[in-house]
Structures are given as C-alpha cells and as structure tokens.
C-alpha cells in the first residue's frame, strides 16, 4: 500500500473512531434515561394494577389471553425456562449493541438512518411508560402467572442494585420486543442474505416467547412493541427527510437574502 493510501486509511479509521465515541456518548445518555424511568413508577401502583386488569380483560375479549397456557407448557420443560430467562436478561441490550457496532463499522452509510429509527422507538416507548404504567403478569400469581426469573434465577427485585435499574411498571409496550424486532428488520434490510433473514426472523420471535414465557409481558405488550417498531420504520425516515428539506429551504432562503 502506498504511503498516501496508508494515510487516507489511517485518517478514515481515526475519523470513524471519533464519530463512534460521540455516538457512544449520546446513546449512553439515552440509555441512562431509559433506566432512569425507575423514578416514573413512584406513586403509580394503583394505576398500574388497574391498567393491568383492563389489559387482561381486553385480551380475554380478543381471545389473546394465552400467557398462562404458554407458561404452563414451558414450566414442564425447565431447561427451556432457564434458556428464556437468559434470553430475557442478557440478550436485550447485547443484541442492540452488537447490531449497532455491526452497522457502524460495516455499513457506516446506513448507521444514521437506523439510529434515528431507534431513537424514535425509545422516545415514544419512554413517553408511554410515563403516561401508562402497567403491572406485568408476574405481579399476579393468584391469577396463575409465574415469575420465572424469581423462581429459577432467584432474582430479588427489591435489592437496591436491581431496583434502581428497572421500572416495575414499564410493560406497555414491550421494548424488549420492540428492540429485538428493530434489530431483526435492520439485519434483514442491510444484510439481505439467507443467514440474515434467518437471524432477523428468529431473534424477535425468540424474544416474544421470552417476554411472555417469563411472565414479564402480556401478549398485547408484545403486539404494541412490534407495532411501535414498524411505525418507527415507516414514519421516522419520512420525518427526518421532511426536516432535512426544511433545513435546506431555510439555508437557501438565507443565502438568497444575503448581501
């Protein structure tokens, strides 16, 4: 490689690393806000439980109240429950991080497009959490639900290190499902190979099974999370394009009146 080409390559790597650090900082702040929704739950217990009863009632009317049956089947296969606990606990953020790194380093020209869609999902999801607290199924053992994380994983939700990092009433929509589908659609749209199609299809379905099977979300939560992601993929690019055109018109107008 010629010295000039080496310099260009080194400058490209440095510039990409600089942008990567900026993106990491921005997303770290946003994830901090995501986890800070713990404070939004204070004083909303009554609303959260009432909303949960309404969701279960609606699911019964729609024929979607199948969570207890799903859990009953899974609990007969303890190894599956352990696996779904692991999926729910550890792949939620890991999937997002790996997808983001893959986009940033291998498909840099597409990164901002998907980053904007992700921000749309996160922003709307947090807004709904603030406006609509919802107690998850695991809060209703007398209805037949089982908290598999507490049963098999011995999770203590009241432990300070755990309690400070989660909002117990952030169930609608399921951002676990929304983010998994976001990654799945992104992998398929960018990769376009059979392996990408398989991974992009399997991972969201696995996450839906995990959130319902562990007693952390209702089926309607998963539907809402999926709908949020699809809507973000449809509308966020249109909104960002419209904003870009607006900025271009403002710039053109400023130049036209400049002396």
C-alpha atoms as a PDB file:
ATOM      1  CA  UNK A   1       0.000   0.000   0.000  1.00  0.00           C
ATOM      2  CA  UNK A   2       1.310   3.450  -0.950  1.00  0.00           C
ATOM      3  CA  UNK A   3       2.102   5.918   1.867  1.00  0.00           C
ATOM      4  CA  UNK A   4      -0.674   8.217   0.613  1.00  0.00           C
ATOM      5  CA  UNK A   5      -3.204   5.367   0.742  1.00  0.00           C
ATOM      6  CA  UNK A   6      -1.993   4.410   4.214  1.00  0.00           C
ATOM      7  CA  UNK A   7      -2.526   7.983   5.398  1.00  0.00           C
ATOM      8  CA  UNK A   8      -6.048   8.094   3.951  1.00  0.00           C
ATOM      9  CA  UNK A   9      -6.895   4.759   5.572  1.00  0.00           C
ATOM     10  CA  UNK A  10      -5.484   5.835   8.934  1.00  0.00           C
ATOM     11  CA  UNK A  11      -7.389   9.140   8.803  1.00  0.00           C
ATOM     12  CA  UNK A  12     -10.588   7.269   7.918  1.00  0.00           C
ATOM     13  CA  UNK A  13     -10.172   4.947  10.898  1.00  0.00           C
ATOM     14  CA  UNK A  14      -9.438   7.871  13.232  1.00  0.00           C
ATOM     15  CA  UNK A  15     -12.443   9.820  11.973  1.00  0.00           C
ATOM     16  CA  UNK A  16     -14.716   6.816  12.320  1.00  0.00           C
ATOM     17  CA  UNK A  17     -13.418   6.165  15.841  1.00  0.00           C
ATOM     18  CA  UNK A  18     -14.106   9.800  16.762  1.00  0.00           C
ATOM     19  CA  UNK A  19     -17.669   9.568  15.478  1.00  0.00           C
ATOM     20  CA  UNK A  20     -18.014   6.257  17.305  1.00  0.00           C
ATOM     21  CA  UNK A  21     -17.075   7.865  20.612  1.00  0.00           C
ATOM     22  CA  UNK A  22     -19.599  10.656  20.023  1.00  0.00           C
ATOM     23  CA  UNK A  23     -22.342   8.153  19.225  1.00  0.00           C
ATOM     24  CA  UNK A  24     -21.386   6.088  22.265  1.00  0.00           C
ATOM     25  CA  UNK A  25     -21.705   9.155  24.472  1.00  0.00           C
ATOM     26  CA  UNK A  26     -25.099  10.127  23.048  1.00  0.00           C
ATOM     27  CA  UNK A  27     -26.515   6.620  23.350  1.00  0.00           C
ATOM     28  CA  UNK A  28     -25.093   6.194  26.859  1.00  0.00           C
ATOM     29  CA  UNK A  29     -27.012   9.275  27.979  1.00  0.00           C
ATOM     30  CA  UNK A  30     -30.192   7.955  26.352  1.00  0.00           C
ATOM     31  CA  UNK A  31     -29.831   4.550  27.963  1.00  0.00           C
ATOM     32  CA  UNK A  32     -29.307   6.348  31.254  1.00  0.00           C
ATOM     33  CA  UNK A  33     -32.678   7.999  30.724  1.00  0.00           C
ATOM     34  CA  UNK A  34     -34.138   4.623  29.800  1.00  0.00           C
ATOM     35  CA  UNK A  35     -33.049   3.103  33.091  1.00  0.00           C
ATOM     36  CA  UNK A  36     -33.966   6.273  34.972  1.00  0.00           C
ATOM     37  CA  UNK A  37     -37.637   5.550  34.220  1.00  0.00           C
ATOM     38  CA  UNK A  38     -37.485   3.687  37.526  1.00  0.00           C
ATOM     39  CA  UNK A  39     -38.444   7.003  39.113  1.00  0.00           C
ATOM     40  CA  UNK A  40     -41.555   7.243  36.957  1.00  0.00           C
ATOM     41  CA  UNK A  41     -43.114   4.318  38.815  1.00  0.00           C
ATOM     42  CA  UNK A  42     -43.270   6.087  42.167  1.00  0.00           C
ATOM     43  CA  UNK A  43     -46.846   6.590  43.350  1.00  0.00           C
ATOM     44  CA  UNK A  44     -48.422   4.857  40.339  1.00  0.00           C
ATOM     45  CA  UNK A  45     -49.012   1.415  41.803  1.00  0.00           C
ATOM     46  CA  UNK A  46     -52.812   1.723  41.871  1.00  0.00           C
ATOM     47  CA  UNK A  47     -52.973   2.913  38.257  1.00  0.00           C
ATOM     48  CA  UNK A  48     -50.550   0.205  37.163  1.00  0.00           C
ATOM     49  CA  UNK A  49     -52.615  -2.619  38.676  1.00  0.00           C
ATOM     50  CA  UNK A  50     -55.888  -1.193  37.384  1.00  0.00           C
ATOM     51  CA  UNK A  51     -54.429  -0.900  33.892  1.00  0.00           C
ATOM     52  CA  UNK A  52     -53.221  -4.498  34.121  1.00  0.00           C
ATOM     53  CA  UNK A  53     -56.710  -5.751  34.952  1.00  0.00           C
ATOM     54  CA  UNK A  54     -58.065  -3.817  31.970  1.00  0.00           C
ATOM     55  CA  UNK A  55     -55.413  -5.310  29.669  1.00  0.00           C
ATOM     56  CA  UNK A  56     -56.244  -8.842  30.844  1.00  0.00           C
ATOM     57  CA  UNK A  57     -59.946  -8.135  30.344  1.00  0.00           C
ATOM     58  CA  UNK A  58     -59.287  -6.849  26.809  1.00  0.00           C
ATOM     59  CA  UNK A  59     -57.156  -9.879  25.991  1.00  0.00           C
ATOM     60  CA  UNK A  60     -59.956 -12.182  27.108  1.00  0.00           C
ATOM     61  CA  UNK A  61     -62.395 -10.361  24.827  1.00  0.00           C
ATOM     62  CA  UNK A  62     -59.952 -10.597  21.918  1.00  0.00           C
ATOM     63  CA  UNK A  63     -59.053 -14.226  22.577  1.00  0.00           C
ATOM     64  CA  UNK A  64     -55.437 -13.330  23.311  1.00  0.00           C
ATOM     65  CA  UNK A  65     -55.284 -14.282  26.996  1.00  0.00           C
ATOM     66  CA  UNK A  66     -52.934 -17.232  26.428  1.00  0.00           C
ATOM     67  CA  UNK A  67     -49.997 -16.316  28.659  1.00  0.00           C
ATOM     68  CA  UNK A  68     -50.852 -18.764  31.452  1.00  0.00           C
ATOM     69  CA  UNK A  69     -51.155 -21.635  28.991  1.00  0.00           C
ATOM     70  CA  UNK A  70     -47.803 -20.739  27.426  1.00  0.00           C
ATOM     71  CA  UNK A  71     -46.165 -20.633  30.843  1.00  0.00           C
ATOM     72  CA  UNK A  72     -47.732 -23.949  31.881  1.00  0.00           C
ATOM     73  CA  UNK A  73     -46.218 -25.656  28.839  1.00  0.00           C
ATOM     74  CA  UNK A  74     -42.815 -24.029  29.349  1.00  0.00           C
ATOM     75  CA  UNK A  75     -42.658 -24.849  33.065  1.00  0.00           C
ATOM     76  CA  UNK A  76     -42.893 -28.528  32.151  1.00  0.00           C
ATOM     77  CA  UNK A  77     -39.568 -28.045  30.346  1.00  0.00           C
ATOM     78  CA  UNK A  78     -37.265 -26.430  32.949  1.00  0.00           C
ATOM     79  CA  UNK A  79     -34.307 -26.176  30.563  1.00  0.00           C
ATOM     80  CA  UNK A  80     -36.404 -24.040  28.225  1.00  0.00           C
ATOM     81  CA  UNK A  81     -37.358 -21.751  31.107  1.00  0.00           C
ATOM     82  CA  UNK A  82     -33.701 -21.331  32.072  1.00  0.00           C
ATOM     83  CA  UNK A  83     -32.865 -20.537  28.457  1.00  0.00           C
ATOM     84  CA  UNK A  84     -35.675 -17.974  28.135  1.00  0.00           C
ATOM     85  CA  UNK A  85     -34.610 -16.361  31.419  1.00  0.00           C
ATOM     86  CA  UNK A  86     -31.143 -15.976  29.916  1.00  0.00           C
ATOM     87  CA  UNK A  87     -32.560 -14.562  26.660  1.00  0.00           C
ATOM     88  CA  UNK A  88     -34.713 -12.042  28.508  1.00  0.00           C
ATOM     89  CA  UNK A  89     -31.957 -10.936  30.882  1.00  0.00           C
ATOM     90  CA  UNK A  90     -28.849 -10.875  28.716  1.00  0.00           C
ATOM     91  CA  UNK A  91     -29.691 -10.561  25.017  1.00  0.00           C
ATOM     92  CA  UNK A  92     -31.874  -7.433  25.248  1.00  0.00           C
ATOM     93  CA  UNK A  93     -29.056  -4.884  25.348  1.00  0.00           C
ATOM     94  CA  UNK A  94     -26.414  -7.181  23.876  1.00  0.00           C
ATOM     95  CA  UNK A  95     -28.424  -7.547  20.669  1.00  0.00           C
ATOM     96  CA  UNK A  96     -28.758  -3.792  20.316  1.00  0.00           C
ATOM     97  CA  UNK A  97     -25.073  -3.168  20.964  1.00  0.00           C
ATOM     98  CA  UNK A  98     -23.904  -5.843  18.536  1.00  0.00           C
ATOM     99  CA  UNK A  99     -26.292  -4.623  15.837  1.00  0.00           C
ATOM    100  CA  UNK A 100     -25.125  -1.033  16.343  1.00  0.00           C
ATOM    101  CA  UNK A 101     -21.445  -1.983  16.148  1.00  0.00           C
ATOM    102  CA  UNK A 102     -22.054  -4.075  13.037  1.00  0.00           C
ATOM    103  CA  UNK A 103     -23.857  -1.172  11.371  1.00  0.00           C
ATOM    104  CA  UNK A 104     -21.319   1.433  12.408  1.00  0.00           C
ATOM    105  CA  UNK A 105     -18.239  -0.449  11.219  1.00  0.00           C
ATOM    106  CA  UNK A 106     -19.554  -2.486   8.285  1.00  0.00           C
ATOM    107  CA  UNK A 107     -22.358  -0.287   6.921  1.00  0.00           C
ATOM    108  CA  UNK A 108     -21.480   3.206   8.074  1.00  0.00           C
ATOM    109  CA  UNK A 109     -23.580   4.889   5.397  1.00  0.00           C
ATOM    110  CA  UNK A 110     -26.738   3.267   6.838  1.00  0.00           C
ATOM    111  CA  UNK A 111     -25.963   3.831  10.525  1.00  0.00           C
ATOM    112  CA  UNK A 112     -27.643   7.228  10.954  1.00  0.00           C
ATOM    113  CA  UNK A 113     -30.823   6.016   9.256  1.00  0.00           C
ATOM    114  CA  UNK A 114     -31.222   3.165  11.744  1.00  0.00           C
ATOM    115  CA  UNK A 115     -30.031   5.246  14.677  1.00  0.00           C
ATOM    116  CA  UNK A 116     -32.880   7.687  14.051  1.00  0.00           C
ATOM    117  CA  UNK A 117     -35.421   4.860  13.917  1.00  0.00           C
ATOM    118  CA  UNK A 118     -34.087   3.518  17.219  1.00  0.00           C
ATOM    119  CA  UNK A 119     -34.369   6.953  18.833  1.00  0.00           C
ATOM    120  CA  UNK A 120     -37.978   7.163  17.675  1.00  0.00           C
ATOM    121  CA  UNK A 121     -38.768   3.792  19.262  1.00  0.00           C
ATOM    122  CA  UNK A 122     -37.022   4.691  22.503  1.00  0.00           C
ATOM    123  CA  UNK A 123     -38.590   8.149  22.777  1.00  0.00           C
ATOM    124  CA  UNK A 124     -42.164   7.012  22.174  1.00  0.00           C
ATOM    125  CA  UNK A 125     -41.686   3.989  24.416  1.00  0.00           C
ATOM    126  CA  UNK A 126     -40.495   6.103  27.348  1.00  0.00           C
ATOM    127  CA  UNK A 127     -43.346   8.550  26.822  1.00  0.00           C
ATOM    128  CA  UNK A 128     -45.889   5.729  27.007  1.00  0.00           C
ATOM    129  CA  UNK A 129     -44.219   4.358  30.138  1.00  0.00           C
ATOM    130  CA  UNK A 130     -44.663   7.754  31.770  1.00  0.00           C
ATOM    131  CA  UNK A 131     -48.310   8.045  30.736  1.00  0.00           C
ATOM    132  CA  UNK A 132     -49.460   4.434  31.060  1.00  0.00           C
ATOM    133  CA  UNK A 133     -47.936   2.452  33.951  1.00  0.00           C
ATOM    134  CA  UNK A 134     -48.767  -1.242  33.694  1.00  0.00           C
ATOM    135  CA  UNK A 135     -48.104  -4.025  36.196  1.00  0.00           C
ATOM    136  CA  UNK A 136     -46.669  -7.064  34.356  1.00  0.00           C
ATOM    137  CA  UNK A 137     -48.193 -10.557  34.611  1.00  0.00           C
ATOM    138  CA  UNK A 138     -45.683 -11.729  37.237  1.00  0.00           C
ATOM    139  CA  UNK A 139     -47.390  -9.381  39.715  1.00  0.00           C
ATOM    140  CA  UNK A 140     -50.492 -11.608  39.586  1.00  0.00           C
ATOM    141  CA  UNK A 141     -49.527 -15.068  40.922  1.00  0.00           C
ATOM    142  CA  UNK A 142     -53.082 -15.542  42.194  1.00  0.00           C
ATOM    143  CA  UNK A 143     -54.231 -15.435  38.563  1.00  0.00           C
ATOM    144  CA  UNK A 144     -51.866 -18.274  37.699  1.00  0.00           C
ATOM    145  CA  UNK A 145     -48.852 -16.331  36.428  1.00  0.00           C
ATOM    146  CA  UNK A 146     -45.337 -17.388  37.414  1.00  0.00           C
ATOM    147  CA  UNK A 147     -42.309 -15.128  37.807  1.00  0.00           C
ATOM    148  CA  UNK A 148     -39.715 -17.468  36.289  1.00  0.00           C
ATOM    149  CA  UNK A 149     -36.802 -15.101  36.936  1.00  0.00           C
ATOM    150  CA  UNK A 150     -37.546 -15.141  40.653  1.00  0.00           C
ATOM    151  CA  UNK A 151     -38.368 -18.877  40.679  1.00  0.00           C
ATOM    152  CA  UNK A 152     -35.324 -20.161  38.789  1.00  0.00           C
ATOM    153  CA  UNK A 153     -32.958 -17.214  38.719  1.00  0.00           C
ATOM    154  CA  UNK A 154     -33.543 -16.146  42.339  1.00  0.00           C
ATOM    155  CA  UNK A 155     -33.908 -12.516  41.275  1.00  0.00           C
ATOM    156  CA  UNK A 156     -34.672 -10.132  44.146  1.00  0.00           C
ATOM    157  CA  UNK A 157     -36.383  -7.118  42.618  1.00  0.00           C
ATOM    158  CA  UNK A 158     -36.175  -5.215  45.901  1.00  0.00           C
ATOM    159  CA  UNK A 159     -32.387  -5.468  46.015  1.00  0.00           C
ATOM    160  CA  UNK A 160     -31.048  -1.883  45.627  1.00  0.00           C
ATOM    161  CA  UNK A 161     -28.702  -2.767  42.753  1.00  0.00           C
ATOM    162  CA  UNK A 162     -31.663  -4.228  40.845  1.00  0.00           C
ATOM    163  CA  UNK A 163     -34.421  -1.847  41.927  1.00  0.00           C
ATOM    164  CA  UNK A 164     -32.516   1.251  40.812  1.00  0.00           C
ATOM    165  CA  UNK A 165     -32.181  -0.082  37.255  1.00  0.00           C
ATOM    166  CA  UNK A 166     -35.688  -1.065  36.339  1.00  0.00           C
ATOM    167  CA  UNK A 167     -39.187   0.337  36.259  1.00  0.00           C
ATOM    168  CA  UNK A 168     -41.520  -2.402  37.550  1.00  0.00           C
ATOM    169  CA  UNK A 169     -44.469  -0.926  35.637  1.00  0.00           C
ATOM    170  CA  UNK A 170     -42.783  -0.475  32.250  1.00  0.00           C
ATOM    171  CA  UNK A 171     -44.680  -3.227  30.476  1.00  0.00           C
ATOM    172  CA  UNK A 172     -46.610  -1.497  27.673  1.00  0.00           C
ATOM    173  CA  UNK A 173     -45.141  -1.539  25.088  1.00  0.00           C
ATOM    174  CA  UNK A 174     -42.541  -4.262  25.434  1.00  0.00           C
ATOM    175  CA  UNK A 175     -39.298  -2.544  24.450  1.00  0.00           C
ATOM    176  CA  UNK A 176     -37.601  -5.937  24.648  1.00  0.00           C
ATOM    177  CA  UNK A 177     -39.755  -6.967  21.696  1.00  0.00           C
ATOM    178  CA  UNK A 178     -39.571  -3.559  20.011  1.00  0.00           C
ATOM    179  CA  UNK A 179     -35.753  -3.524  20.085  1.00  0.00           C
ATOM    180  CA  UNK A 180     -35.480  -7.166  19.016  1.00  0.00           C
ATOM    181  CA  UNK A 181     -37.733  -6.527  16.015  1.00  0.00           C
ATOM    182  CA  UNK A 182     -35.791  -3.333  15.270  1.00  0.00           C
ATOM    183  CA  UNK A 183     -32.581  -5.371  15.108  1.00  0.00           C
ATOM    184  CA  UNK A 184     -34.244  -8.165  13.134  1.00  0.00           C
ATOM    185  CA  UNK A 185     -35.671  -5.878  10.460  1.00  0.00           C
ATOM    186  CA  UNK A 186     -32.371  -3.984  10.290  1.00  0.00           C
ATOM    187  CA  UNK A 187     -30.296  -7.141   9.823  1.00  0.00           C
ATOM    188  CA  UNK A 188     -32.599  -8.292   7.027  1.00  0.00           C
ATOM    189  CA  UNK A 189     -32.701  -4.915   5.254  1.00  0.00           C
ATOM    190  CA  UNK A 190     -28.960  -4.400   5.378  1.00  0.00           C
ATOM    191  CA  UNK A 191     -27.651  -7.964   5.099  1.00  0.00           C
ATOM    192  CA  UNK A 192     -30.077  -9.456   2.566  1.00  0.00           C
ATOM    193  CA  UNK A 193     -28.502 -12.924   2.774  1.00  0.00           C
ATOM    194  CA  UNK A 194     -30.232 -16.107   3.909  1.00  0.00           C
ATOM    195  CA  UNK A 195     -28.360 -16.079   7.228  1.00  0.00           C
ATOM    196  CA  UNK A 196     -29.527 -12.501   7.843  1.00  0.00           C
ATOM    197  CA  UNK A 197     -33.121 -13.433   7.048  1.00  0.00           C
ATOM    198  CA  UNK A 198     -32.993 -16.391   9.428  1.00  0.00           C
ATOM    199  CA  UNK A 199     -31.399 -14.398  12.246  1.00  0.00           C
ATOM    200  CA  UNK A 200     -33.670 -11.383  11.677  1.00  0.00           C
ATOM    201  CA  UNK A 201     -36.760 -13.586  11.846  1.00  0.00           C
ATOM    202  CA  UNK A 202     -35.720 -15.913  14.670  1.00  0.00           C
ATOM    203  CA  UNK A 203     -34.466 -13.351  17.184  1.00  0.00           C
ATOM    204  CA  UNK A 204     -37.712 -11.299  17.500  1.00  0.00           C
ATOM    205  CA  UNK A 205     -39.803 -14.483  17.737  1.00  0.00           C
ATOM    206  CA  UNK A 206     -37.475 -15.797  20.429  1.00  0.00           C
ATOM    207  CA  UNK A 207     -37.763 -12.541  22.369  1.00  0.00           C
ATOM    208  CA  UNK A 208     -41.574 -12.594  22.162  1.00  0.00           C
ATOM    209  CA  UNK A 209     -41.516 -16.118  23.591  1.00  0.00           C
ATOM    210  CA  UNK A 210     -39.117 -14.985  26.323  1.00  0.00           C
ATOM    211  CA  UNK A 211     -41.070 -11.927  27.480  1.00  0.00           C
ATOM    212  CA  UNK A 212     -44.355 -13.861  27.642  1.00  0.00           C
ATOM    213  CA  UNK A 213     -42.837 -17.078  28.958  1.00  0.00           C
ATOM    214  CA  UNK A 214     -41.040 -15.373  31.841  1.00  0.00           C
ATOM    215  CA  UNK A 215     -44.175 -13.541  32.977  1.00  0.00           C
ATOM    216  CA  UNK A 216     -42.789 -10.101  32.234  1.00  0.00           C
ATOM    217  CA  UNK A 217     -45.191  -9.030  29.497  1.00  0.00           C
ATOM    218  CA  UNK A 218     -48.674  -9.631  28.176  1.00  0.00           C
ATOM    219  CA  UNK A 219     -49.240 -10.643  24.572  1.00  0.00           C
ATOM    220  CA  UNK A 220     -50.692  -7.181  23.959  1.00  0.00           C
ATOM    221  CA  UNK A 221     -47.410  -5.686  25.185  1.00  0.00           C
ATOM    222  CA  UNK A 222     -45.563  -7.667  22.527  1.00  0.00           C
ATOM    223  CA  UNK A 223     -48.051  -6.571  19.867  1.00  0.00           C
ATOM    224  CA  UNK A 224     -47.685  -2.941  20.970  1.00  0.00           C
ATOM    225  CA  UNK A 225     -43.879  -3.196  20.880  1.00  0.00           C
ATOM    226  CA  UNK A 226     -43.959  -4.706  17.404  1.00  0.00           C
ATOM    227  CA  UNK A 227     -46.386  -2.041  16.189  1.00  0.00           C
ATOM    228  CA  UNK A 228     -44.170   0.700  17.597  1.00  0.00           C
ATOM    229  CA  UNK A 229     -41.149  -0.626  15.710  1.00  0.00           C
ATOM    230  CA  UNK A 230     -42.989  -0.998  12.407  1.00  0.00           C
ATOM    231  CA  UNK A 231     -44.432   2.512  12.772  1.00  0.00           C
ATOM    232  CA  UNK A 232     -40.964   3.911  13.518  1.00  0.00           C
ATOM    233  CA  UNK A 233     -39.528   2.277  10.394  1.00  0.00           C
ATOM    234  CA  UNK A 234     -42.352   3.783   8.332  1.00  0.00           C
ATOM    235  CA  UNK A 235     -42.570   7.285   9.750  1.00  0.00           C
ATOM    236  CA  UNK A 236     -39.144   8.241  11.140  1.00  0.00           C
ATOM    237  CA  UNK A 237     -37.380   8.253   7.738  1.00  0.00           C
ATOM    238  CA  UNK A 238     -40.208  10.378   6.316  1.00  0.00           C
ATOM    239  CA  UNK A 239     -39.997  12.822   9.217  1.00  0.00           C
ATOM    240  CA  UNK A 240     -36.202  13.114   9.009  1.00  0.00           C
ATOM    241  CA  UNK A 241     -36.391  13.623   5.234  1.00  0.00           C
ATOM    242  CA  UNK A 242     -39.008  16.352   5.684  1.00  0.00           C
ATOM    243  CA  UNK A 243     -36.856  18.065   8.309  1.00  0.00           C
ATOM    244  CA  UNK A 244     -33.831  17.887   6.007  1.00  0.00           C
ATOM    245  CA  UNK A 245     -35.790  19.512   3.185  1.00  0.00           C
ATOM    246  CA  UNK A 246     -36.982  22.211   5.575  1.00  0.00           C
ATOM    247  CA  UNK A 247     -33.418  22.944   6.668  1.00  0.00           C
ATOM    248  CA  UNK A 248     -32.329  23.120   3.033  1.00  0.00           C
ATOM    249  CA  UNK A 249     -35.061  25.653   2.265  1.00  0.00           C
ATOM    250  CA  UNK A 250     -34.042  27.753   5.261  1.00  0.00           C
ATOM    251  CA  UNK A 251     -30.409  27.693   4.096  1.00  0.00           C
ATOM    252  CA  UNK A 252     -31.402  28.599   0.539  1.00  0.00           C
ATOM    253  CA  UNK A 253     -33.581  31.462   1.772  1.00  0.00           C
ATOM    254  CA  UNK A 254     -30.744  32.755   3.960  1.00  0.00           C
ATOM    255  CA  UNK A 255     -28.355  32.714   1.035  1.00  0.00           C
ATOM    256  CA  UNK A 256     -30.843  34.451  -1.233  1.00  0.00           C
ATOM    257  CA  UNK A 257     -31.212  37.421   1.118  1.00  0.00           C
ATOM    258  CA  UNK A 258     -27.532  37.644   1.970  1.00  0.00           C
ATOM    259  CA  UNK A 259     -25.817  40.788   0.566  1.00  0.00           C
END
